Amino acid sequence: MFFSFDGIDGVGKTTQMQLFCQWLTDQGHEVVTCRDPGSTALGERVREIVLSSDESTPISARCEMLLYMAARAQLVEEVIRPALASGRTVVSDRYLLANVVYQGYAGGLAVQDVREVGRVATDALSPDCTFVLDMSPAAALERMGDELDRVESRGNEYREQLREGFLREAAHLGDAFHVVAADRAVDEIQAEIRSIAQQAMP
């Protein structure tokens, strides 16, 4: 099984993913975790570039999208496909949905174009189950520290566009995408995630 966690920054993805992975391990799964971009030598280098707060290197939305896609292509080839092929369970912090939302809905690129580039980059590999953690951008921002990265510092209007993009995508992408209200107690959120996963797993 291949799971992914997504949503705007500050919704608690890291906490929920850690709890979920521990639960999967307790259930007997051999779990492989990854972050997108990242988890490969190339991916971590790309992550440094796209998330750096150094504004001396301009990155257009199209270039940004392609950098993410390159990192993801390596992640799929080097980490995700081999893990799935060996029967392990993969849990990723973000995946293609993030690019569709960040560079498409909020970044001004054609959403279908981003999807198509993503299909090529991943060789059409999609998560079996995606959790979209959702809460108001204002509340999510309050959870974040003062030091914001290149993407996190783009302002309130951008974050509102991101949330709308995630909700619109989840609404029409089918049963593999699940919106989970993230403005609740940690245990309550985790219980819903586990319930959804139990229904999705063979």
Protein backbone atom coordinates (compact mmCIF):
# COMPACT_ATOMS: atom_id res chain seq x y z
CA MET A 1 0.00 0.00 0.00
CA PHE A 2 1.05 3.54 -0.76
CA PHE A 3 -0.24 6.34 1.50
CA SER A 4 0.42 10.08 1.28
CA PHE A 5 -0.28 13.03 3.55
CA ASP A 6 -0.92 16.51 2.20
CA GLY A 7 -2.47 19.89 3.00
CA ILE A 8 -1.38 23.47 3.57
CA ASP A 9 1.62 24.14 5.80
CA GLY A 10 0.87 24.09 9.51
CA VAL A 11 -1.98 21.56 9.56
CA GLY A 12 -0.04 18.92 11.49
CA LYS A 13 1.02 16.52 8.75
CA THR A 14 4.25 15.54 10.46
CA THR A 15 2.59 14.63 13.76
CA GLN A 16 -0.21 12.65 12.15
CA MET A 17 2.14 10.85 9.78
CA GLN A 18 4.43 9.80 12.63
CA LEU A 19 1.51 8.43 14.65
CA PHE A 20 0.13 6.66 11.59
CA CYS A 21 3.45 5.03 10.75
CA GLN A 22 3.84 3.80 14.32
CA TRP A 23 0.35 2.31 14.16
CA LEU A 24 1.12 0.59 10.86
CA THR A 25 4.30 -0.85 12.35
CA ASP A 26 2.35 -2.11 15.35
CA GLN A 27 -0.05 -3.78 12.91
CA GLY A 28 2.86 -5.73 11.40
CA HIS A 29 3.59 -3.59 8.35
CA GLU A 30 7.15 -2.94 7.24
CA VAL A 31 6.93 0.81 6.69
CA VAL A 32 9.05 3.01 4.43
CA THR A 33 8.64 6.74 4.97
CA CYS A 34 9.70 9.50 2.61
CA ARG A 35 9.23 13.19 2.03
CA ASP A 36 8.58 14.85 -1.30
CA PRO A 37 10.83 16.55 -2.27
CA GLY A 38 13.59 14.68 -0.50
CA SER A 39 14.57 11.20 0.69
CA THR A 40 17.18 10.79 -2.06
CA ALA A 41 20.49 12.59 -2.53
CA LEU A 42 19.05 14.45 -5.52
CA GLY A 43 15.76 15.15 -3.79
CA GLU A 44 17.42 16.72 -0.77
CA ARG A 45 19.51 18.99 -3.00
CA VAL A 46 16.38 20.08 -4.85
CA ARG A 47 14.61 20.65 -1.54
CA GLU A 48 17.35 23.05 -0.48
CA ILE A 49 16.87 25.04 -3.68
CA VAL A 50 13.07 25.26 -3.81
CA LEU A 51 12.52 25.94 -0.11
CA SER A 52 15.46 28.27 0.53
CA SER A 53 14.47 31.69 1.84
CA ASP A 54 17.35 33.18 -0.17
CA GLU A 55 15.63 35.39 -2.75
CA SER A 56 18.83 35.99 -4.72
CA THR A 57 17.95 33.06 -6.99
CA PRO A 58 14.57 33.71 -8.64
CA ILE A 59 12.51 30.61 -9.47
CA SER A 60 9.50 30.91 -11.77
CA ALA A 61 6.39 28.81 -11.10
CA ARG A 62 7.09 26.61 -14.12
CA CYS A 63 10.72 26.08 -13.14
CA GLU A 64 9.69 25.37 -9.56
CA MET A 65 7.20 22.76 -10.75
CA LEU A 66 9.80 21.02 -12.91
CA LEU A 67 12.34 20.95 -10.07
CA TYR A 68 9.77 19.25 -7.82
CA MET A 69 8.94 16.80 -10.60
CA ALA A 70 12.60 15.89 -11.10
CA ALA A 71 12.97 15.19 -7.39
CA ARG A 72 9.79 13.10 -7.44
CA ALA A 73 10.90 11.08 -10.46
CA GLN A 74 14.05 10.08 -8.56
CA LEU A 75 12.04 9.37 -5.39
CA VAL A 76 9.72 7.01 -7.27
CA GLU A 77 12.57 5.26 -9.04
CA GLU A 78 14.92 4.97 -6.08
CA VAL A 79 12.61 4.57 -3.08
CA ILE A 80 8.88 4.12 -3.67
CA ARG A 81 8.70 1.52 -6.46
CA PRO A 82 11.37 -0.76 -4.95
CA ALA A 83 9.64 -0.61 -1.56
CA LEU A 84 6.23 -1.45 -3.01
CA ALA A 85 7.73 -4.23 -5.13
CA SER A 86 9.18 -5.82 -2.00
CA GLY A 87 5.81 -5.76 -0.23
CA ARG A 88 6.50 -2.87 2.11
CA THR A 89 4.05 -0.07 2.96
CA VAL A 90 5.07 3.40 1.79
CA VAL A 91 3.98 6.60 3.54
CA SER A 92 4.97 9.88 1.90
CA ASP A 93 4.90 13.42 3.24
CA ARG A 94 3.39 15.06 0.13
CA TYR A 95 3.25 13.78 -3.43
CA LEU A 96 1.98 14.95 -6.83
CA LEU A 97 -1.18 16.55 -5.42
CA ALA A 98 1.00 19.21 -3.81
CA ASN A 99 2.36 20.38 -7.16
CA VAL A 100 -1.08 20.44 -8.74
CA VAL A 101 -2.22 22.73 -5.93
CA TYR A 102 0.89 24.84 -5.27
CA GLN A 103 1.98 25.54 -8.85
CA GLY A 104 -1.41 25.00 -10.48
CA TYR A 105 -4.27 26.44 -8.43
CA ALA A 106 -2.11 28.89 -6.46
CA GLY A 107 0.80 29.37 -8.87
CA GLY A 108 -1.07 30.13 -12.06
CA LEU A 109 -0.02 27.16 -14.19
CA ALA A 110 -2.63 25.12 -16.04
CA VAL A 111 -3.73 22.39 -13.62
CA GLN A 112 -4.04 19.77 -16.35
CA ASP A 113 -0.51 20.53 -17.56
CA VAL A 114 0.88 19.97 -14.07
CA ARG A 115 -1.02 16.69 -13.82
CA GLU A 116 0.35 15.53 -17.17
CA VAL A 117 3.95 16.35 -16.30
CA GLY A 118 3.37 14.54 -13.01
CA ARG A 119 2.08 11.46 -14.80
CA VAL A 120 5.30 11.31 -16.82
CA ALA A 121 7.54 12.03 -13.80
CA THR A 122 5.96 9.29 -11.68
CA ASP A 123 5.32 6.84 -14.53
CA ALA A 124 1.66 7.11 -13.49
CA LEU A 125 2.27 5.85 -9.94
CA SER A 126 -0.35 7.25 -7.55
CA PRO A 127 -0.97 6.68 -3.83
CA ASP A 128 -3.66 4.17 -2.93
CA CYS A 129 -4.87 6.57 -0.24
CA THR A 130 -4.20 10.29 0.27
CA PHE A 131 -5.08 12.13 3.47
CA VAL A 132 -5.68 15.86 2.94
CA LEU A 133 -5.49 17.54 6.34
CA ASP A 134 -7.64 20.66 6.28
CA MET A 135 -8.04 23.73 8.44
CA SER A 136 -8.27 27.49 7.94
CA PRO A 137 -5.03 29.09 6.69
CA ALA A 138 -5.14 31.63 9.53
CA ALA A 139 -5.28 28.91 12.16
CA ALA A 140 -2.56 26.91 10.40
CA LEU A 141 -0.29 29.95 10.27
CA GLU A 142 -0.59 30.40 14.04
CA ARG A 143 0.95 26.95 14.49
CA MET A 144 4.04 27.84 12.45
CA GLY A 145 7.19 29.48 13.73
CA ASP A 146 8.53 32.88 12.77
CA GLU A 147 11.07 31.55 10.25
CA LEU A 148 9.13 30.72 7.10
CA ASP A 149 10.63 29.16 3.98
CA ARG A 150 10.28 30.47 0.42
CA VAL A 151 6.84 28.92 -0.07
CA GLU A 152 5.46 29.49 3.43
CA SER A 153 6.17 33.23 3.22
CA ARG A 154 3.94 33.94 0.20
CA GLY A 155 1.11 35.47 2.19
CA ASN A 156 -2.49 34.91 3.23
CA GLU A 157 -4.07 35.13 -0.22
CA TYR A 158 -1.72 32.44 -1.50
CA ARG A 159 -2.57 30.16 1.44
CA GLU A 160 -6.30 30.65 0.81
CA GLN A 161 -5.77 29.61 -2.82
CA LEU A 162 -3.88 26.55 -1.65
CA ARG A 163 -6.68 25.45 0.64
CA GLU A 164 -9.27 25.95 -2.09
CA GLY A 165 -7.10 23.94 -4.49
CA PHE A 166 -6.76 21.01 -2.11
CA LEU A 167 -10.49 20.92 -1.44
CA ARG A 168 -11.40 21.18 -5.12
CA GLU A 169 -9.00 18.41 -6.09
CA ALA A 170 -10.15 16.11 -3.30
CA ALA A 171 -13.77 16.69 -4.29
CA HIS A 172 -13.41 15.28 -7.78
CA LEU A 173 -10.42 12.91 -7.66
CA GLY A 174 -12.32 9.94 -6.27
CA ASP A 175 -12.38 7.60 -3.32
CA ALA A 176 -8.60 7.54 -2.84
CA PHE A 177 -8.61 11.13 -1.51
CA HIS A 178 -9.91 11.87 1.98
CA VAL A 179 -10.29 15.32 3.54
CA VAL A 180 -9.69 15.15 7.31
CA ALA A 181 -10.54 18.12 9.52
CA ALA A 182 -7.28 19.07 11.24
CA ASP A 183 -8.65 21.60 13.74
CA ARG A 184 -9.42 18.90 16.33
CA ALA A 185 -7.57 16.98 19.02
CA VAL A 186 -4.58 15.01 17.72
CA ASP A 187 -6.01 11.65 18.86
CA GLU A 188 -9.37 12.35 17.22
CA ILE A 189 -7.72 13.16 13.89
CA GLN A 190 -5.54 10.07 14.10
CA ALA A 191 -8.53 7.83 14.86
CA GLU A 192 -10.24 8.99 11.66
CA ILE A 193 -7.08 8.46 9.62
CA ARG A 194 -6.71 4.91 10.94
CA SER A 195 -10.36 4.14 10.25
CA ILE A 196 -10.00 5.32 6.64
CA ALA A 197 -6.80 3.28 6.23
CA GLN A 198 -8.43 0.12 7.57
CA GLN A 199 -11.14 0.42 4.92
CA ALA A 200 -8.57 1.05 2.18
CA MET A 201 -6.21 -1.82 3.03
CA PRO A 202 -6.82 -5.31 1.64
